[in-house]
């Protein structure tokens, strides 16, 4: 399995745990804020990875991403 895939999966698992912990609402404020910030960073990182993968796939498929809108 490619390292990027494993890295992405680990980030998603960590993000899911953070969301779960935050949704329980049992954390002290400082811990909750810290986890929230970590979750934002993980979200940004995963989004960047997805955008890069989407770009690579569009290059591989010969799709420039510009699609004409049909009337």
N, C-alpha and C. Protein backbone atom coordinates (compact mmCIF):
# COMPACT_ATOMS: atom_id res chain seq x y z
N UNK A 1 0.86 -1.18 0.00
CA UNK A 1 0.00 0.00 0.00
C UNK A 1 0.90 1.24 0.00
N UNK A 2 0.63 2.22 -0.88
CA UNK A 2 1.47 3.43 -0.91
C UNK A 2 1.46 4.16 0.43
N UNK A 3 2.60 4.77 0.76
CA UNK A 3 2.74 5.47 2.04
C UNK A 3 1.72 6.60 2.17
N UNK A 4 1.44 7.30 1.05
CA UNK A 4 0.47 8.40 1.13
C UNK A 4 -0.90 7.90 1.54
N UNK A 5 -1.28 6.72 1.04
CA UNK A 5 -2.59 6.16 1.38
C UNK A 5 -2.65 5.84 2.87
N UNK A 6 -1.60 5.22 3.38
CA UNK A 6 -1.56 4.87 4.81
C UNK A 6 -1.59 6.14 5.65
N UNK A 7 -0.80 7.13 5.25
CA UNK A 7 -0.76 8.40 5.97
C UNK A 7 -2.15 9.05 5.99
N UNK A 8 -2.83 9.05 4.86
CA UNK A 8 -4.17 9.63 4.77
C UNK A 8 -5.14 8.88 5.68
N UNK A 9 -5.07 7.55 5.64
CA UNK A 9 -5.96 6.74 6.46
C UNK A 9 -5.72 7.00 7.95
N UNK A 10 -4.46 7.11 8.35
CA UNK A 10 -4.15 7.39 9.76
C UNK A 10 -4.69 8.75 10.17
N UNK A 11 -4.55 9.72 9.29
CA UNK A 11 -5.06 11.06 9.58
C UNK A 11 -6.58 11.03 9.73
N UNK A 12 -7.24 10.30 8.86
CA UNK A 12 -8.70 10.22 8.93
C UNK A 12 -9.14 9.52 10.22
N UNK A 13 -8.45 8.47 10.61
CA UNK A 13 -8.78 7.78 11.85
C UNK A 13 -8.61 8.70 13.05
N UNK A 14 -7.52 9.46 13.06
CA UNK A 14 -7.27 10.41 14.14
C UNK A 14 -8.36 11.48 14.16
N UNK A 15 -8.73 11.97 12.98
CA UNK A 15 -9.77 12.98 12.89
C UNK A 15 -11.11 12.45 13.40
N UNK A 16 -11.44 11.22 13.05
CA UNK A 16 -12.68 10.61 13.54
C UNK A 16 -12.68 10.50 15.07
N UNK A 17 -11.54 10.14 15.64
CA UNK A 17 -11.44 10.05 17.10
C UNK A 17 -11.61 11.42 17.74
N UNK A 18 -11.00 12.43 17.15
CA UNK A 18 -11.13 13.79 17.68
C UNK A 18 -12.59 14.23 17.65
N UNK A 19 -13.26 14.00 16.52
CA UNK A 19 -14.67 14.38 16.40
C UNK A 19 -15.49 13.65 17.47
N UNK A 20 -15.24 12.37 17.62
CA UNK A 20 -15.96 11.58 18.62
C UNK A 20 -15.75 12.16 20.03
N UNK A 21 -14.49 12.45 20.35
CA UNK A 21 -14.17 12.99 21.68
C UNK A 21 -14.82 14.35 21.90
N UNK A 22 -14.81 15.19 20.88
CA UNK A 22 -15.42 16.51 21.00
C UNK A 22 -16.94 16.42 21.13
N UNK A 23 -17.55 15.49 20.38
CA UNK A 23 -19.00 15.35 20.43
C UNK A 23 -19.49 14.87 21.78
N UNK A 24 -18.67 14.12 22.50
CA UNK A 24 -19.08 13.66 23.83
C UNK A 24 -19.26 14.83 24.78
N UNK A 25 -18.51 15.89 24.57
CA UNK A 25 -18.67 17.09 25.38
C UNK A 25 -18.18 16.96 26.81
N UNK A 26 -17.30 16.02 27.07
CA UNK A 26 -16.83 15.79 28.44
C UNK A 26 -15.40 16.29 28.67
N UNK A 27 -14.84 17.01 27.71
CA UNK A 27 -13.46 17.46 27.82
C UNK A 27 -13.37 18.81 28.51
N UNK A 28 -12.29 19.03 29.24
CA UNK A 28 -12.05 20.38 29.75
C UNK A 28 -11.87 21.34 28.57
N UNK A 29 -12.17 22.59 28.77
CA UNK A 29 -12.13 23.58 27.69
C UNK A 29 -10.80 23.60 26.96
N UNK A 30 -9.70 23.68 27.69
CA UNK A 30 -8.39 23.77 27.05
C UNK A 30 -8.09 22.54 26.19
N UNK A 31 -8.43 21.37 26.70
CA UNK A 31 -8.22 20.13 25.93
C UNK A 31 -9.11 20.13 24.69
N UNK A 32 -10.34 20.58 24.81
CA UNK A 32 -11.26 20.65 23.67
C UNK A 32 -10.75 21.59 22.60
N UNK A 33 -10.24 22.74 23.01
CA UNK A 33 -9.71 23.71 22.05
C UNK A 33 -8.48 23.13 21.35
N UNK A 34 -7.64 22.48 22.10
CA UNK A 34 -6.44 21.86 21.52
C UNK A 34 -6.83 20.80 20.49
N UNK A 35 -7.78 19.95 20.83
CA UNK A 35 -8.24 18.92 19.90
C UNK A 35 -8.91 19.53 18.68
N UNK A 36 -9.68 20.60 18.89
CA UNK A 36 -10.34 21.27 17.77
C UNK A 36 -9.30 21.79 16.78
N UNK A 37 -8.26 22.43 17.30
CA UNK A 37 -7.19 22.95 16.43
C UNK A 37 -6.50 21.81 15.68
N UNK A 38 -6.22 20.73 16.40
CA UNK A 38 -5.59 19.58 15.75
C UNK A 38 -6.50 19.02 14.65
N UNK A 39 -7.79 18.99 14.92
CA UNK A 39 -8.74 18.53 13.92
C UNK A 39 -8.76 19.41 12.69
N UNK A 40 -8.66 20.72 12.89
CA UNK A 40 -8.61 21.64 11.74
C UNK A 40 -7.37 21.38 10.89
N UNK A 41 -6.24 21.18 11.54
CA UNK A 41 -5.00 20.90 10.80
C UNK A 41 -5.10 19.59 10.03
N UNK A 42 -5.66 18.57 10.66
CA UNK A 42 -5.84 17.29 9.98
C UNK A 42 -6.79 17.44 8.79
N UNK A 43 -7.85 18.21 8.98
CA UNK A 43 -8.81 18.44 7.90
C UNK A 43 -8.14 19.11 6.72
N UNK A 44 -7.36 20.14 7.00
CA UNK A 44 -6.64 20.85 5.92
C UNK A 44 -5.68 19.92 5.20
N UNK A 45 -4.95 19.14 5.96
CA UNK A 45 -3.98 18.23 5.38
C UNK A 45 -4.66 17.18 4.49
N UNK A 46 -5.74 16.60 4.99
CA UNK A 46 -6.48 15.60 4.20
C UNK A 46 -7.08 16.22 2.95
N UNK A 47 -7.61 17.43 3.08
CA UNK A 47 -8.19 18.12 1.92
C UNK A 47 -7.11 18.36 0.87
N UNK A 48 -5.93 18.78 1.31
CA UNK A 48 -4.82 19.00 0.37
C UNK A 48 -4.44 17.71 -0.34
N UNK A 49 -4.37 16.61 0.41
CA UNK A 49 -4.05 15.33 -0.19
C UNK A 49 -5.11 14.91 -1.21
N UNK A 50 -6.36 15.13 -0.89
CA UNK A 50 -7.43 14.78 -1.82
C UNK A 50 -7.36 15.63 -3.09
N UNK A 51 -7.08 16.91 -2.94
CA UNK A 51 -6.96 17.78 -4.11
C UNK A 51 -5.80 17.36 -5.00
N UNK A 52 -4.68 17.00 -4.39
CA UNK A 52 -3.52 16.52 -5.16
C UNK A 52 -3.87 15.24 -5.90
N UNK A 53 -4.55 14.33 -5.22
CA UNK A 53 -4.95 13.07 -5.85
C UNK A 53 -5.93 13.33 -7.00
N UNK A 54 -6.88 14.23 -6.79
CA UNK A 54 -7.84 14.58 -7.84
C UNK A 54 -7.10 15.15 -9.06
N UNK A 55 -6.12 16.00 -8.80
CA UNK A 55 -5.34 16.59 -9.88
C UNK A 55 -4.56 15.52 -10.64
N UNK A 56 -3.92 14.61 -9.91
CA UNK A 56 -3.18 13.53 -10.55
C UNK A 56 -4.09 12.66 -11.40
N UNK A 57 -5.27 12.37 -10.90
CA UNK A 57 -6.21 11.55 -11.65
C UNK A 57 -6.70 12.26 -12.91
N UNK A 58 -6.91 13.56 -12.80
CA UNK A 58 -7.37 14.30 -13.99
C UNK A 58 -6.28 14.34 -15.04
N UNK A 59 -5.02 14.42 -14.62
CA UNK A 59 -3.90 14.39 -15.56
C UNK A 59 -3.82 13.01 -16.22
N UNK A 60 -3.93 11.97 -15.42
CA UNK A 60 -3.86 10.60 -15.94
C UNK A 60 -4.98 10.30 -16.93
N UNK A 61 -6.15 10.84 -16.66
CA UNK A 61 -7.29 10.56 -17.53
C UNK A 61 -7.37 11.53 -18.71
N UNK A 62 -6.48 12.52 -18.73
CA UNK A 62 -6.50 13.48 -19.83
C UNK A 62 -7.58 14.53 -19.69
N UNK A 63 -8.17 14.63 -18.53
CA UNK A 63 -9.23 15.61 -18.27
C UNK A 63 -8.59 16.86 -17.70
N UNK A 64 -8.77 17.97 -18.38
CA UNK A 64 -8.18 19.21 -17.91
C UNK A 64 -9.00 19.83 -16.78
N UNK A 65 -10.16 19.28 -16.51
CA UNK A 65 -11.00 19.82 -15.46
C UNK A 65 -11.97 20.87 -15.98
N UNK A 66 -11.78 21.29 -17.22
CA UNK A 66 -12.67 22.29 -17.83
C UNK A 66 -13.77 21.56 -18.56
N UNK A 67 -14.96 21.62 -18.02
CA UNK A 67 -16.09 20.97 -18.66
C UNK A 67 -17.06 22.03 -19.14
N UNK A 68 -17.55 21.84 -20.34
CA UNK A 68 -18.53 22.77 -20.87
C UNK A 68 -19.87 22.52 -20.21
N UNK A 69 -20.56 23.58 -19.93
CA UNK A 69 -21.88 23.48 -19.35
C UNK A 69 -22.88 23.36 -20.48
N UNK A 70 -23.70 22.30 -20.43
CA UNK A 70 -24.71 22.11 -21.47
C UNK A 70 -25.97 22.86 -21.09
N UNK A 71 -26.59 23.47 -22.07
CA UNK A 71 -27.83 24.21 -21.83
C UNK A 71 -29.01 23.30 -21.87
